[in-house]
């Protein structure tokens, strides 16, 4: 019998362990569950590993800063809830706590040290903060700031000192200083920055993302489809410096951009474009992901291209290696997987997964 060298066995075990070193978490909004997939980091292929059944539809999610916890909004009719979910070693989730919050947020995020949960409330038009104790979100309400309706997202920049809330209808990004000890928000001066000119398409900031190494932020612009670039001043205030359409020239119909994500190395940024023109048996929609290259000196963006995706891509994520994108189609119940060309930023779809009704939130992390 042929003997397999010990070194070969060790190399095989090492390769096997590396293959599934990442995981993808998907909130299936229409089927009351959160699914967990192992990611083969060499190919990007997904393998469903776990599923957590819930008693109501999930919505927005985020990780704790150490990624040991997942927080998810649960759309209970009478008491909006954020559930705290502990990640086991295999990536599966167990419920560690439930907190009743004040209204229904389309976006949630923790502060830098994981002691405060921040929520943006679209219909009400305000921002709230809640205490996190030992990794568990509580119902202790720390602060409320009224802004305007259509508060769509809330994100923290690198230092953890400032919070930003894009608002689509008033075409503004509200900006606050955040006290992480008390959870209090203080409006900056000015309290908001205007988005792109409303006389053109591609205005109405919806989501915001921060460059990993530059004092630059980018918003997806919902109305008409677009992307904007902002300089981030040392006092936390934003300055709008560039806006581009995220749609092909001359395209017809009605469009609304949604999510925005930056590769971990800061080379490329992507925006999801939802085709909101009426669909029928003769028109399936032309939803896309638009890619842009980020200038290494200025942080400004230039177009890479447009890449067809599943219907109504509200959510997408870039894996931790920066090699793959996964985009959820709310209308098709599918997750489109793409390889990112590291030289050009172009996307090549290599698989499409049936994931269930209304994939509403997706995110990835190391295992």
Protein backbone atom coordinates (compact mmCIF):
# COMPACT_ATOMS: atom_id res chain seq x y z
CA UNK A 1 0.00 0.00 0.00
CA UNK A 2 1.31 3.42 -0.98
CA UNK A 3 2.08 5.70 1.96
CA UNK A 4 0.99 9.32 1.74
CA UNK A 5 3.74 11.65 2.97
CA UNK A 6 2.89 13.53 6.16
CA UNK A 7 3.64 16.84 4.47
CA UNK A 8 0.98 16.10 1.82
CA UNK A 9 -1.61 15.42 4.50
CA UNK A 10 -0.72 18.68 6.29
CA UNK A 11 -0.97 20.67 3.07
CA UNK A 12 -4.35 19.13 2.28
CA UNK A 13 -5.69 19.92 5.74
CA UNK A 14 -4.38 23.49 5.50
CA UNK A 15 -5.97 23.98 2.09
CA UNK A 16 -9.28 22.56 3.29
CA UNK A 17 -9.35 24.85 6.32
CA UNK A 18 -8.62 27.91 4.17
CA UNK A 19 -11.40 27.13 1.68
CA UNK A 20 -14.22 27.93 4.11
CA UNK A 21 -12.51 30.67 6.10
CA UNK A 22 -15.36 33.12 5.42
CA UNK A 23 -19.10 33.05 5.92
CA UNK A 24 -22.04 34.88 4.43
CA UNK A 25 -25.12 35.86 6.45
CA UNK A 26 -28.37 36.38 4.56
CA UNK A 27 -31.65 37.70 5.96
CA UNK A 28 -34.46 36.11 3.93
CA UNK A 29 -37.09 38.75 4.58
CA UNK A 30 -40.08 36.85 3.23
CA UNK A 31 -39.39 33.53 4.94
CA UNK A 32 -38.63 34.46 8.56
CA UNK A 33 -35.07 33.19 8.72
CA UNK A 34 -31.38 34.02 8.56
CA UNK A 35 -29.22 31.66 6.53
CA UNK A 36 -25.49 31.10 6.93
CA UNK A 37 -23.27 30.04 4.03
CA UNK A 38 -19.65 28.93 4.02
CA UNK A 39 -17.58 30.73 1.37
CA UNK A 40 -14.87 28.84 -0.49
CA UNK A 41 -12.29 31.62 -0.51
CA UNK A 42 -10.48 30.19 -3.52
CA UNK A 43 -13.53 30.05 -5.81
CA UNK A 44 -16.21 32.17 -4.11
CA UNK A 45 -18.64 29.26 -4.18
CA UNK A 46 -21.25 29.15 -1.40
CA UNK A 47 -22.37 26.14 0.61
CA UNK A 48 -25.37 26.53 2.91
CA UNK A 49 -24.25 25.60 6.41
CA UNK A 50 -26.88 26.79 8.88
CA UNK A 51 -30.31 28.39 9.14
CA UNK A 52 -32.01 30.15 12.02
CA UNK A 53 -35.82 30.21 12.02
CA UNK A 54 -37.43 33.35 13.44
CA UNK A 55 -41.00 34.21 14.45
CA UNK A 56 -41.17 37.25 12.15
CA UNK A 57 -39.48 38.62 9.05
CA UNK A 58 -35.93 39.95 9.57
CA UNK A 59 -34.62 43.16 8.06
CA UNK A 60 -31.44 45.19 8.49
CA UNK A 61 -28.46 43.45 10.12
CA UNK A 62 -24.97 44.33 11.32
CA UNK A 63 -22.06 42.68 13.13
CA UNK A 64 -20.62 43.68 16.47
CA UNK A 65 -17.13 45.21 16.06
CA UNK A 66 -15.46 41.88 16.94
CA UNK A 67 -17.93 40.01 14.70
CA UNK A 68 -18.83 37.62 17.50
CA UNK A 69 -22.42 38.85 17.43
CA UNK A 70 -25.01 39.51 14.72
CA UNK A 71 -27.74 42.08 15.35
CA UNK A 72 -30.93 41.96 13.28
CA UNK A 73 -34.08 44.06 13.15
CA UNK A 74 -37.27 41.99 13.50
CA UNK A 75 -40.42 43.55 12.10
CA UNK A 76 -42.91 42.75 14.87
CA UNK A 77 -46.16 44.62 14.25
CA UNK A 78 -46.65 45.87 17.80
CA UNK A 79 -43.10 46.04 19.15
CA UNK A 80 -40.20 46.56 16.76
CA UNK A 81 -37.30 44.46 18.00
CA UNK A 82 -33.57 44.05 17.59
CA UNK A 83 -32.41 40.50 18.28
CA UNK A 84 -28.86 39.79 19.45
CA UNK A 85 -27.47 36.60 17.92
CA UNK A 86 -24.30 34.90 19.13
CA UNK A 87 -22.04 33.34 16.51
CA UNK A 88 -20.79 29.88 17.47
CA UNK A 89 -17.42 28.57 16.30
CA UNK A 90 -19.06 27.00 13.24
CA UNK A 91 -20.83 30.27 12.41
CA UNK A 92 -24.31 29.14 13.43
CA UNK A 93 -26.47 31.56 15.41
CA UNK A 94 -28.21 31.35 18.76
CA UNK A 95 -30.53 33.98 20.23
CA UNK A 96 -28.88 35.79 23.13
CA UNK A 97 -31.40 38.58 23.72
CA UNK A 98 -34.24 40.71 22.38
CA UNK A 99 -34.66 44.47 22.75
CA UNK A 100 -37.74 46.52 22.01
CA UNK A 101 -36.88 49.71 20.11
CA UNK A 102 -38.81 52.82 19.21
CA UNK A 103 -39.66 52.32 15.51
CA UNK A 104 -38.79 50.37 12.36
CA UNK A 105 -35.27 51.10 11.06
CA UNK A 106 -34.11 50.33 7.51
CA UNK A 107 -30.52 50.41 8.81
CA UNK A 108 -28.70 49.65 12.07
CA UNK A 109 -25.05 50.02 13.09
CA UNK A 110 -22.93 49.80 16.26
CA UNK A 111 -20.41 52.33 17.45
CA UNK A 112 -16.69 51.51 17.23
CA UNK A 113 -16.39 49.80 20.62
CA UNK A 114 -19.71 47.94 20.48
CA UNK A 115 -21.44 49.68 23.38
CA UNK A 116 -24.10 51.60 21.43
CA UNK A 117 -26.54 50.58 18.69
CA UNK A 118 -27.56 53.37 16.31
CA UNK A 119 -30.74 53.21 14.25
CA UNK A 120 -32.09 55.35 11.39
CA UNK A 121 -35.87 55.56 10.99
CA UNK A 122 -37.18 56.18 7.50
CA UNK A 123 -40.89 56.93 8.08
CA UNK A 124 -40.55 58.76 11.39
CA UNK A 125 -37.50 60.77 10.35
CA UNK A 126 -35.27 60.44 13.38
CA UNK A 127 -32.17 58.76 14.79
CA UNK A 128 -31.97 56.76 18.01
CA UNK A 129 -29.29 55.12 20.13
CA UNK A 130 -29.57 52.16 22.51
CA UNK A 131 -27.24 50.65 25.09
CA UNK A 132 -25.36 47.42 24.33
CA UNK A 133 -24.38 45.50 27.48
CA UNK A 134 -21.84 42.65 27.23
CA UNK A 135 -22.63 42.27 23.54
CA UNK A 136 -26.42 42.26 24.00
CA UNK A 137 -28.58 45.09 22.65
CA UNK A 138 -30.88 46.40 25.37
CA UNK A 139 -34.01 48.56 25.30
CA UNK A 140 -32.22 51.31 27.24
CA UNK A 141 -32.91 54.34 25.05
CA UNK A 142 -29.94 56.70 25.17
CA UNK A 143 -30.82 59.43 22.70
CA UNK A 144 -33.27 60.60 20.05
CA UNK A 145 -32.63 63.23 17.41
CA UNK A 146 -35.38 64.32 15.02
CA UNK A 147 -34.05 64.92 11.51
CA UNK A 148 -36.39 64.58 8.52
CA UNK A 149 -38.36 61.77 6.94
CA UNK A 150 -36.56 59.23 4.74
CA UNK A 151 -33.56 58.72 7.06
CA UNK A 152 -32.25 55.72 5.17
CA UNK A 153 -28.87 54.71 6.61
CA UNK A 154 -26.57 55.39 9.55
CA UNK A 155 -22.82 54.82 9.45
CA UNK A 156 -19.82 55.62 11.65
CA UNK A 157 -16.51 56.87 10.19
CA UNK A 158 -13.05 55.46 11.03
CA UNK A 159 -12.43 57.29 14.33
CA UNK A 160 -15.84 56.36 15.72
CA UNK A 161 -16.44 60.00 16.66
CA UNK A 162 -18.95 60.91 13.96
CA UNK A 163 -22.21 59.46 12.61
CA UNK A 164 -23.81 60.16 9.21
CA UNK A 165 -27.40 59.66 8.07
CA UNK A 166 -28.30 60.05 4.37
CA UNK A 167 -31.87 61.23 3.72
CA UNK A 168 -33.33 60.72 0.27
CA UNK A 169 -36.35 63.07 0.11
CA UNK A 170 -34.70 66.25 1.47
CA UNK A 171 -31.48 65.36 -0.43
CA UNK A 172 -29.26 65.71 2.63
CA UNK A 173 -26.69 63.86 4.72
CA UNK A 174 -27.11 64.68 8.41
CA UNK A 175 -23.89 64.68 10.44
CA UNK A 176 -23.42 64.24 14.20
CA UNK A 177 -20.68 63.91 16.77
CA UNK A 178 -21.15 60.70 18.77
CA UNK A 179 -20.25 60.34 22.45
CA UNK A 180 -19.62 56.60 22.74
CA UNK A 181 -19.76 56.68 26.54
CA UNK A 182 -23.21 58.23 26.79
CA UNK A 183 -24.62 57.38 23.37
CA UNK A 184 -25.55 61.04 22.84
CA UNK A 185 -25.52 62.64 19.41
CA UNK A 186 -24.61 66.30 18.88
CA UNK A 187 -25.34 67.99 15.53
CA UNK A 188 -22.25 69.29 13.76
CA UNK A 189 -22.08 72.82 12.36
CA UNK A 190 -23.69 72.73 9.85
CA UNK A 191 -25.99 69.85 10.92
CA UNK A 192 -26.22 68.49 7.37
CA UNK A 193 -24.67 68.76 3.93
CA UNK A 194 -26.80 69.02 0.81
CA UNK A 195 -26.65 66.25 -1.76
CA UNK A 196 -26.18 66.81 -5.53
CA UNK A 197 -28.26 69.37 -7.41
CA UNK A 198 -31.92 68.37 -7.57
CA UNK A 199 -32.29 69.84 -11.05
CA UNK A 200 -30.43 66.82 -12.40
CA UNK A 201 -30.95 63.10 -11.97
CA UNK A 202 -28.83 61.00 -9.61
CA UNK A 203 -29.42 62.94 -6.41
CA UNK A 204 -31.05 61.90 -3.07
CA UNK A 205 -28.28 60.22 -0.97
CA UNK A 206 -29.42 56.82 0.33
CA UNK A 207 -26.44 54.82 1.70
CA UNK A 208 -22.95 56.00 2.65
CA UNK A 209 -19.59 54.19 2.76
CA UNK A 210 -16.14 55.35 3.91
CA UNK A 211 -12.85 54.77 2.14
CA UNK A 212 -10.63 52.48 4.24
CA UNK A 213 -7.57 54.77 4.18
CA UNK A 214 -8.62 58.22 2.87
CA UNK A 215 -10.77 60.97 4.35
CA UNK A 216 -13.35 60.33 1.65
CA UNK A 217 -16.97 59.11 1.80
CA UNK A 218 -19.28 57.97 -1.01
CA UNK A 219 -23.06 57.89 -1.24
CA UNK A 220 -25.37 55.99 -3.51
CA UNK A 221 -27.97 58.44 -4.84
CA UNK A 222 -31.44 56.97 -5.10
CA UNK A 223 -33.19 59.31 -7.51
CA UNK A 224 -32.21 58.40 -11.06
CA UNK A 225 -29.18 56.36 -10.01
CA UNK A 226 -25.87 57.92 -9.03
CA UNK A 227 -22.76 58.09 -6.84
CA UNK A 228 -21.28 61.07 -5.00
CA UNK A 229 -17.88 61.64 -3.43
CA UNK A 230 -17.42 63.73 -0.27
CA UNK A 231 -14.30 64.94 1.50
CA UNK A 232 -14.43 64.37 5.27
CA UNK A 233 -13.01 67.33 7.19
CA UNK A 234 -11.14 66.86 10.46
CA UNK A 235 -14.12 68.29 12.37
CA UNK A 236 -16.33 65.59 10.81
CA UNK A 237 -18.22 67.74 8.31
CA UNK A 238 -18.66 66.57 4.72
CA UNK A 239 -17.91 68.49 1.53
CA UNK A 240 -19.46 67.32 -1.75
CA UNK A 241 -16.78 67.20 -4.47
CA UNK A 242 -18.05 64.88 -7.23
CA UNK A 243 -21.22 63.26 -8.57
CA UNK A 244 -21.60 60.81 -11.45
CA UNK A 245 -24.51 58.85 -12.89
CA UNK A 246 -24.43 55.13 -12.12
CA UNK A 247 -26.54 54.34 -15.22
CA UNK A 248 -25.56 53.84 -18.88
CA UNK A 249 -25.95 57.00 -21.01
CA UNK A 250 -29.33 57.35 -22.67
CA UNK A 251 -31.00 54.54 -20.74
CA UNK A 252 -34.78 54.90 -20.45
CA UNK A 253 -37.22 54.11 -17.67
CA UNK A 254 -37.20 54.88 -13.95
CA UNK A 255 -34.26 53.97 -11.74
CA UNK A 256 -33.30 54.04 -8.08
CA UNK A 257 -29.86 53.25 -6.72
CA UNK A 258 -29.71 51.45 -3.39
CA UNK A 259 -26.58 50.02 -1.77
CA UNK A 260 -22.92 51.06 -2.00
CA UNK A 261 -19.80 49.09 -1.04
CA UNK A 262 -16.02 49.63 -1.29
CA UNK A 263 -13.43 46.88 -1.75
CA UNK A 264 -11.22 46.37 1.34
CA UNK A 265 -8.14 47.68 -0.52
CA UNK A 266 -9.97 50.88 -1.49
CA UNK A 267 -9.48 50.41 -5.24
CA UNK A 268 -13.10 50.05 -6.37
CA UNK A 269 -16.59 51.10 -5.29
CA UNK A 270 -19.87 49.58 -6.49
CA UNK A 271 -23.48 50.81 -6.51
CA UNK A 272 -26.63 48.72 -7.03
CA UNK A 273 -29.19 50.10 -9.51
CA UNK A 274 -32.82 49.03 -9.26
CA UNK A 275 -34.97 49.22 -12.38
CA UNK A 276 -38.29 50.52 -11.02
CA UNK A 277 -40.00 50.81 -14.41
CA UNK A 278 -43.16 48.68 -14.59
CA UNK A 279 -42.36 45.05 -15.43
CA UNK A 280 -44.39 42.53 -17.40
CA UNK A 281 -43.94 39.36 -19.41
CA UNK A 282 -42.20 41.36 -22.15
CA UNK A 283 -39.93 43.32 -19.82
CA UNK A 284 -37.95 41.56 -17.11
CA UNK A 285 -35.95 44.57 -15.94
CA UNK A 286 -32.39 45.70 -16.49
CA UNK A 287 -31.05 45.96 -12.92
CA UNK A 288 -27.28 46.38 -12.62
CA UNK A 289 -24.28 46.79 -10.38
CA UNK A 290 -22.19 49.78 -11.47
CA UNK A 291 -18.45 49.69 -10.77
CA UNK A 292 -16.09 52.65 -10.33
CA UNK A 293 -12.33 52.90 -9.90
CA UNK A 294 -11.13 55.07 -7.01
CA UNK A 295 -8.19 57.36 -7.79
CA UNK A 296 -5.33 56.53 -5.44
CA UNK A 297 -4.43 60.19 -4.94
CA UNK A 298 -7.67 62.16 -4.95
CA UNK A 299 -10.28 59.55 -4.06
CA UNK A 300 -12.40 60.65 -7.03
CA UNK A 301 -14.10 57.94 -9.08
CA UNK A 302 -14.20 56.95 -12.74
CA UNK A 303 -16.50 54.43 -14.39
CA UNK A 304 -15.49 50.78 -14.72
CA UNK A 305 -18.74 49.46 -16.19
CA UNK A 306 -22.28 48.15 -15.68
CA UNK A 307 -23.00 44.52 -14.83
CA UNK A 308 -26.43 42.90 -15.07
CA UNK A 309 -27.78 41.48 -11.84
CA UNK A 310 -30.95 40.07 -10.30
CA UNK A 311 -34.19 42.05 -10.06
CA UNK A 312 -34.24 44.81 -7.44
CA UNK A 313 -30.77 44.52 -5.87
CA UNK A 314 -31.45 46.29 -2.60
CA UNK A 315 -28.52 44.62 -0.84
CA UNK A 316 -25.09 43.33 -1.79
CA UNK A 317 -21.78 42.63 -0.08
CA UNK A 318 -18.08 42.32 -0.89
CA UNK A 319 -16.22 39.44 0.78
CA UNK A 320 -13.32 40.11 3.16
CA UNK A 321 -10.68 39.28 0.54
CA UNK A 322 -12.12 41.77 -1.95
CA UNK A 323 -12.38 39.09 -4.63
CA UNK A 324 -16.12 38.43 -4.72
CA UNK A 325 -19.46 40.26 -4.70
CA UNK A 326 -22.82 38.72 -3.72
CA UNK A 327 -25.98 40.63 -4.70
CA UNK A 328 -29.52 39.77 -3.61
CA UNK A 329 -32.46 40.15 -5.98
CA UNK A 330 -35.56 41.04 -3.98
CA UNK A 331 -37.86 40.28 -6.92
CA UNK A 332 -36.25 37.01 -7.99
CA UNK A 333 -35.30 35.41 -4.68
CA UNK A 334 -31.79 34.82 -5.99
CA UNK A 335 -28.25 35.72 -4.97
CA UNK A 336 -25.88 36.57 -7.84
CA UNK A 337 -22.17 35.82 -7.23
CA UNK A 338 -19.40 37.68 -9.09
CA UNK A 339 -15.63 37.52 -9.35
CA UNK A 340 -13.93 40.95 -9.17
CA UNK A 341 -11.11 41.48 -11.64
CA UNK A 342 -8.37 42.87 -9.41
CA UNK A 343 -6.81 44.85 -12.25
CA UNK A 344 -9.87 46.39 -13.91
CA UNK A 345 -12.68 46.11 -11.35
CA UNK A 346 -14.92 44.36 -13.88
CA UNK A 347 -17.36 41.74 -12.61
CA UNK A 348 -17.86 38.23 -13.96
CA UNK A 349 -20.90 36.34 -12.71
CA UNK A 350 -19.93 32.76 -11.90
CA UNK A 351 -23.03 31.46 -10.09
CA UNK A 352 -26.61 32.32 -9.18
CA UNK A 353 -28.17 30.83 -6.04
CA UNK A 354 -31.87 30.35 -5.25
CA UNK A 355 -32.09 31.71 -1.70
CA UNK A 356 -35.79 32.35 -1.02
CA UNK A 357 -38.36 35.12 -0.92
CA UNK A 358 -36.99 38.66 -0.49
CA UNK A 359 -33.25 38.47 0.29
CA UNK A 360 -33.20 41.79 2.13
CA UNK A 361 -29.78 41.94 3.78
CA UNK A 362 -26.46 40.20 3.12
CA UNK A 363 -23.03 40.53 4.73
CA UNK A 364 -19.81 38.54 5.01
CA UNK A 365 -17.15 38.00 7.66
CA UNK A 366 -14.20 35.78 8.47
CA UNK A 367 -15.12 32.47 10.05
